[in-house]
Amino acid sequence: LIVFFFAETLASLLPIFIGALFLFGGVIRLIQAVGFRRTIANRWMYFMLSSLLWIGIGLLMLANPFDSLLVLFQLFGGFLIVVGVIEWVLYFTLRSSRRQQA
């Protein structure tokens, strides 16, 4: 019943909630990137780039909650595609570094 009666209010809070999650996730990834600096010396910057993207999108969503949820979801979808590609590259980077260590 709460969602039914307060759907508009909840929808307006969605960009703020998603922005906070992106910001928190970005900070966690930033900490991981600093930890990876010792493990994979040359490629830890990819992790840093990924974390800065998360933080940037989170701050953008918090600073400018969009009037249109369509724009929010288009931006969110594009960002997820970029992060997916970066995560794919990072997976293969970590896999190859573990093979070299073994």
N, C-alpha and C. Protein backbone atom coordinates (compact mmCIF):
# COMPACT_ATOMS: atom_id res chain seq x y z
N LEU A 1 0.82 -1.19 0.00
CA LEU A 1 0.00 0.00 0.00
C LEU A 1 0.86 1.26 0.00
N ILE A 2 1.98 1.18 0.69
CA ILE A 2 2.87 2.36 0.75
C ILE A 2 3.37 2.69 -0.64
N VAL A 3 3.81 1.68 -1.40
CA VAL A 3 4.31 1.92 -2.75
C VAL A 3 3.19 2.45 -3.64
N PHE A 4 1.98 1.93 -3.48
CA PHE A 4 0.86 2.37 -4.30
C PHE A 4 0.52 3.84 -4.04
N PHE A 5 0.44 4.23 -2.79
CA PHE A 5 0.03 5.59 -2.46
C PHE A 5 1.16 6.62 -2.57
N PHE A 6 2.40 6.17 -2.37
CA PHE A 6 3.53 7.10 -2.41
C PHE A 6 4.48 6.81 -3.55
N ALA A 7 3.97 6.32 -4.65
CA ALA A 7 4.82 5.93 -5.78
C ALA A 7 5.59 7.12 -6.34
N GLU A 8 4.97 8.26 -6.45
CA GLU A 8 5.64 9.44 -7.01
C GLU A 8 6.78 9.91 -6.10
N THR A 9 6.55 9.90 -4.81
CA THR A 9 7.59 10.30 -3.86
C THR A 9 8.75 9.31 -3.89
N LEU A 10 8.43 8.03 -3.92
CA LEU A 10 9.49 7.02 -3.98
C LEU A 10 10.27 7.11 -5.28
N ALA A 11 9.60 7.39 -6.38
CA ALA A 11 10.29 7.53 -7.66
C ALA A 11 11.20 8.74 -7.67
N SER A 12 10.83 9.80 -6.99
CA SER A 12 11.70 10.98 -6.94
C SER A 12 12.91 10.75 -6.06
N LEU A 13 12.82 9.83 -5.10
CA LEU A 13 13.95 9.51 -4.24
C LEU A 13 14.89 8.49 -4.87
N LEU A 14 14.45 7.82 -5.93
CA LEU A 14 15.26 6.78 -6.56
C LEU A 14 16.62 7.28 -7.04
N PRO A 15 16.71 8.42 -7.74
CA PRO A 15 18.05 8.88 -8.15
C PRO A 15 18.98 9.16 -6.97
N ILE A 16 18.45 9.65 -5.88
CA ILE A 16 19.27 9.93 -4.71
C ILE A 16 19.77 8.63 -4.09
N PHE A 17 18.89 7.64 -4.00
CA PHE A 17 19.27 6.34 -3.44
C PHE A 17 20.32 5.67 -4.32
N ILE A 18 20.09 5.65 -5.63
CA ILE A 18 21.06 5.03 -6.54
C ILE A 18 22.38 5.79 -6.51
N GLY A 19 22.33 7.12 -6.44
CA GLY A 19 23.55 7.92 -6.35
C GLY A 19 24.35 7.60 -5.11
N ALA A 20 23.67 7.42 -3.98
CA ALA A 20 24.38 7.07 -2.75
C ALA A 20 25.02 5.69 -2.86
N LEU A 21 24.32 4.76 -3.49
CA LEU A 21 24.89 3.42 -3.68
C LEU A 21 26.11 3.46 -4.59
N PHE A 22 26.04 4.24 -5.67
CA PHE A 22 27.19 4.36 -6.56
C PHE A 22 28.37 5.01 -5.85
N LEU A 23 28.11 6.03 -5.06
CA LEU A 23 29.18 6.70 -4.33
C LEU A 23 29.84 5.74 -3.34
N PHE A 24 29.04 5.00 -2.60
CA PHE A 24 29.56 4.03 -1.64
C PHE A 24 30.36 2.94 -2.35
N GLY A 25 29.82 2.42 -3.45
CA GLY A 25 30.53 1.40 -4.22
C GLY A 25 31.84 1.93 -4.79
N GLY A 26 31.85 3.19 -5.21
CA GLY A 26 33.07 3.80 -5.73
C GLY A 26 34.16 3.94 -4.68
N VAL A 27 33.76 4.30 -3.48
CA VAL A 27 34.74 4.42 -2.40
C VAL A 27 35.32 3.04 -2.06
N ILE A 28 34.48 2.02 -2.03
CA ILE A 28 34.97 0.66 -1.77
C ILE A 28 35.94 0.24 -2.86
N ARG A 29 35.60 0.52 -4.13
CA ARG A 29 36.48 0.16 -5.25
C ARG A 29 37.79 0.95 -5.19
N LEU A 30 37.74 2.19 -4.72
CA LEU A 30 38.95 2.99 -4.59
C LEU A 30 39.90 2.36 -3.57
N ILE A 31 39.35 1.89 -2.48
CA ILE A 31 40.17 1.20 -1.47
C ILE A 31 40.78 -0.06 -2.06
N GLN A 32 39.99 -0.81 -2.84
CA GLN A 32 40.50 -2.01 -3.49
C GLN A 32 41.61 -1.66 -4.48
N ALA A 33 41.45 -0.57 -5.21
CA ALA A 33 42.45 -0.16 -6.20
C ALA A 33 43.79 0.13 -5.53
N VAL A 34 43.75 0.78 -4.39
CA VAL A 34 44.99 1.07 -3.67
C VAL A 34 45.63 -0.23 -3.20
N GLY A 35 44.82 -1.20 -2.79
CA GLY A 35 45.34 -2.50 -2.39
C GLY A 35 45.95 -3.26 -3.56
N PHE A 36 45.37 -3.12 -4.74
CA PHE A 36 45.88 -3.80 -5.93
C PHE A 36 47.15 -3.16 -6.45
N ARG A 37 47.48 -1.99 -5.98
CA ARG A 37 48.69 -1.31 -6.45
C ARG A 37 49.93 -2.15 -6.17
N ARG A 38 49.92 -2.86 -5.06
CA ARG A 38 51.07 -3.70 -4.71
C ARG A 38 51.05 -5.02 -5.48
N THR A 39 49.87 -5.52 -5.79
CA THR A 39 49.75 -6.82 -6.42
C THR A 39 50.00 -6.77 -7.92
N ILE A 40 49.31 -5.87 -8.60
CA ILE A 40 49.47 -5.73 -10.06
C ILE A 40 49.94 -4.31 -10.34
N ALA A 41 51.21 -4.14 -10.37
CA ALA A 41 51.85 -2.82 -10.38
C ALA A 41 51.41 -1.93 -11.54
N ASN A 42 51.38 -2.46 -12.76
CA ASN A 42 51.13 -1.60 -13.90
C ASN A 42 49.65 -1.41 -14.23
N ARG A 43 48.81 -2.31 -13.79
CA ARG A 43 47.42 -2.28 -14.23
C ARG A 43 46.43 -1.87 -13.15
N TRP A 44 46.87 -1.42 -12.03
CA TRP A 44 45.96 -1.02 -10.97
C TRP A 44 45.23 0.26 -11.33
N MET A 45 45.73 0.98 -12.32
CA MET A 45 45.07 2.22 -12.73
C MET A 45 43.70 1.95 -13.35
N TYR A 46 43.50 0.76 -13.93
CA TYR A 46 42.18 0.40 -14.45
C TYR A 46 41.16 0.35 -13.32
N PHE A 47 41.58 -0.21 -12.21
CA PHE A 47 40.71 -0.24 -11.04
C PHE A 47 40.43 1.18 -10.53
N MET A 48 41.45 2.01 -10.55
CA MET A 48 41.28 3.39 -10.12
C MET A 48 40.30 4.12 -11.04
N LEU A 49 40.42 3.91 -12.34
CA LEU A 49 39.51 4.53 -13.30
C LEU A 49 38.08 4.08 -13.06
N SER A 50 37.90 2.80 -12.83
CA SER A 50 36.58 2.26 -12.56
C SER A 50 35.98 2.88 -11.30
N SER A 51 36.77 2.99 -10.26
CA SER A 51 36.26 3.57 -9.01
C SER A 51 35.93 5.04 -9.17
N LEU A 52 36.74 5.77 -9.94
CA LEU A 52 36.44 7.18 -10.16
C LEU A 52 35.17 7.36 -10.99
N LEU A 53 34.91 6.44 -11.92
CA LEU A 53 33.65 6.49 -12.67
C LEU A 53 32.46 6.28 -11.74
N TRP A 54 32.57 5.29 -10.85
CA TRP A 54 31.49 5.04 -9.89
C TRP A 54 31.26 6.27 -9.02
N ILE A 55 32.33 6.85 -8.51
CA ILE A 55 32.20 8.02 -7.64
C ILE A 55 31.62 9.21 -8.41
N GLY A 56 32.09 9.42 -9.64
CA GLY A 56 31.59 10.53 -10.44
C GLY A 56 30.11 10.42 -10.74
N ILE A 57 29.66 9.25 -11.13
CA ILE A 57 28.23 9.07 -11.41
C ILE A 57 27.41 9.21 -10.13
N GLY A 58 27.93 8.69 -9.04
CA GLY A 58 27.22 8.84 -7.76
C GLY A 58 27.07 10.29 -7.35
N LEU A 59 28.14 11.05 -7.49
CA LEU A 59 28.06 12.48 -7.15
C LEU A 59 27.13 13.23 -8.10
N LEU A 60 27.15 12.86 -9.37
CA LEU A 60 26.25 13.49 -10.34
C LEU A 60 24.80 13.24 -9.99
N MET A 61 24.50 12.01 -9.62
CA MET A 61 23.12 11.69 -9.25
C MET A 61 22.70 12.35 -7.95
N LEU A 62 23.62 12.51 -7.03
CA LEU A 62 23.28 13.17 -5.77
C LEU A 62 23.15 14.68 -5.94
N ALA A 63 24.01 15.27 -6.77
CA ALA A 63 23.99 16.71 -6.95
C ALA A 63 22.87 17.18 -7.86
N ASN A 64 22.46 16.32 -8.80
CA ASN A 64 21.46 16.73 -9.78
C ASN A 64 20.45 15.60 -9.97
N PRO A 65 19.55 15.42 -9.01
CA PRO A 65 18.52 14.39 -9.21
C PRO A 65 17.67 14.78 -10.42
N PHE A 66 17.59 13.89 -11.37
CA PHE A 66 16.94 14.21 -12.63
C PHE A 66 15.42 14.28 -12.47
N ASP A 67 14.81 15.17 -13.26
CA ASP A 67 13.36 15.25 -13.26
C ASP A 67 12.77 14.05 -14.00
N SER A 68 13.47 13.58 -14.99
CA SER A 68 12.95 12.48 -15.79
C SER A 68 13.69 11.20 -15.43
N LEU A 69 12.96 10.19 -15.04
CA LEU A 69 13.59 8.91 -14.72
C LEU A 69 14.12 8.23 -15.98
N LEU A 70 13.57 8.58 -17.15
CA LEU A 70 14.05 8.00 -18.39
C LEU A 70 15.51 8.38 -18.63
N VAL A 71 15.85 9.64 -18.40
CA VAL A 71 17.23 10.09 -18.55
C VAL A 71 18.12 9.38 -17.53
N LEU A 72 17.63 9.23 -16.33
CA LEU A 72 18.39 8.53 -15.29
C LEU A 72 18.71 7.10 -15.72
N PHE A 73 17.71 6.39 -16.20
CA PHE A 73 17.93 5.00 -16.56
C PHE A 73 18.78 4.87 -17.82
N GLN A 74 18.71 5.82 -18.74
CA GLN A 74 19.59 5.79 -19.90
C GLN A 74 21.04 6.00 -19.46
N LEU A 75 21.26 6.96 -18.58
CA LEU A 75 22.60 7.19 -18.06
C LEU A 75 23.09 5.98 -17.27
N PHE A 76 22.22 5.43 -16.46
CA PHE A 76 22.55 4.26 -15.66
C PHE A 76 22.90 3.08 -16.56
N GLY A 77 22.13 2.85 -17.62
CA GLY A 77 22.40 1.76 -18.54
C GLY A 77 23.72 1.94 -19.27
N GLY A 78 23.99 3.15 -19.73
CA GLY A 78 25.27 3.42 -20.40
C GLY A 78 26.44 3.22 -19.46
N PHE A 79 26.29 3.65 -18.23
CA PHE A 79 27.35 3.48 -17.25
C PHE A 79 27.58 2.00 -16.96
N LEU A 80 26.51 1.22 -16.87
CA LEU A 80 26.68 -0.20 -16.60
C LEU A 80 27.38 -0.91 -17.76
N ILE A 81 27.15 -0.47 -18.98
CA ILE A 81 27.87 -1.04 -20.12
C ILE A 81 29.36 -0.75 -20.01
N VAL A 82 29.71 0.50 -19.69
CA VAL A 82 31.12 0.88 -19.56
C VAL A 82 31.77 0.10 -18.42
N VAL A 83 31.10 0.01 -17.29
CA VAL A 83 31.65 -0.72 -16.15
C VAL A 83 31.78 -2.20 -16.48
N GLY A 84 30.83 -2.75 -17.21
CA GLY A 84 30.92 -4.15 -17.61
C GLY A 84 32.14 -4.43 -18.45
N VAL A 85 32.43 -3.55 -19.40
CA VAL A 85 33.62 -3.72 -20.24
C VAL A 85 34.89 -3.61 -19.40
N ILE A 86 34.93 -2.63 -18.49
CA ILE A 86 36.10 -2.46 -17.62
C ILE A 86 36.27 -3.68 -16.72
N GLU A 87 35.18 -4.20 -16.17
CA GLU A 87 35.26 -5.38 -15.31
C GLU A 87 35.76 -6.58 -16.09
N TRP A 88 35.35 -6.71 -17.33
CA TRP A 88 35.80 -7.81 -18.18
C TRP A 88 37.31 -7.73 -18.39
N VAL A 89 37.81 -6.53 -18.68
CA VAL A 89 39.25 -6.33 -18.86
C VAL A 89 39.99 -6.63 -17.55
N LEU A 90 39.45 -6.17 -16.44
CA LEU A 90 40.09 -6.39 -15.15
C LEU A 90 40.13 -7.87 -14.78
N TYR A 91 39.08 -8.60 -15.13
CA TYR A 91 39.06 -10.03 -14.85
C TYR A 91 40.22 -10.72 -15.55
N PHE A 92 40.40 -10.44 -16.83
CA PHE A 92 41.48 -11.08 -17.56
C PHE A 92 42.85 -10.59 -17.08
N THR A 93 42.92 -9.35 -16.63
CA THR A 93 44.18 -8.83 -16.09
C THR A 93 44.55 -9.58 -14.81
N LEU A 94 43.60 -9.74 -13.91
CA LEU A 94 43.87 -10.46 -12.66
C LEU A 94 44.18 -11.92 -12.92
N ARG A 95 43.47 -12.52 -13.86
CA ARG A 95 43.71 -13.93 -14.18
C ARG A 95 45.12 -14.15 -14.73
N SER A 96 45.55 -13.24 -15.61
CA SER A 96 46.89 -13.40 -16.17
C SER A 96 47.97 -13.12 -15.13
N SER A 97 47.72 -12.18 -14.21
CA SER A 97 48.73 -11.90 -13.17
C SER A 97 48.83 -13.06 -12.18
N ARG A 98 47.71 -13.74 -11.90
CA ARG A 98 47.76 -14.89 -11.01
C ARG A 98 48.50 -16.05 -11.66
N ARG A 99 48.34 -16.22 -12.96
CA ARG A 99 49.06 -17.28 -13.66
C ARG A 99 50.56 -17.03 -13.66
N GLN A 100 50.95 -15.76 -13.78
CA GLN A 100 52.37 -15.43 -13.78
C GLN A 100 52.99 -15.64 -12.41
N GLN A 101 52.21 -15.44 -11.35
CA GLN A 101 52.72 -15.63 -10.00
C GLN A 101 52.87 -17.11 -9.65
N ALA A 102 52.04 -17.94 -10.26
CA ALA A 102 52.05 -19.38 -9.91
C ALA A 102 53.17 -20.12 -10.56
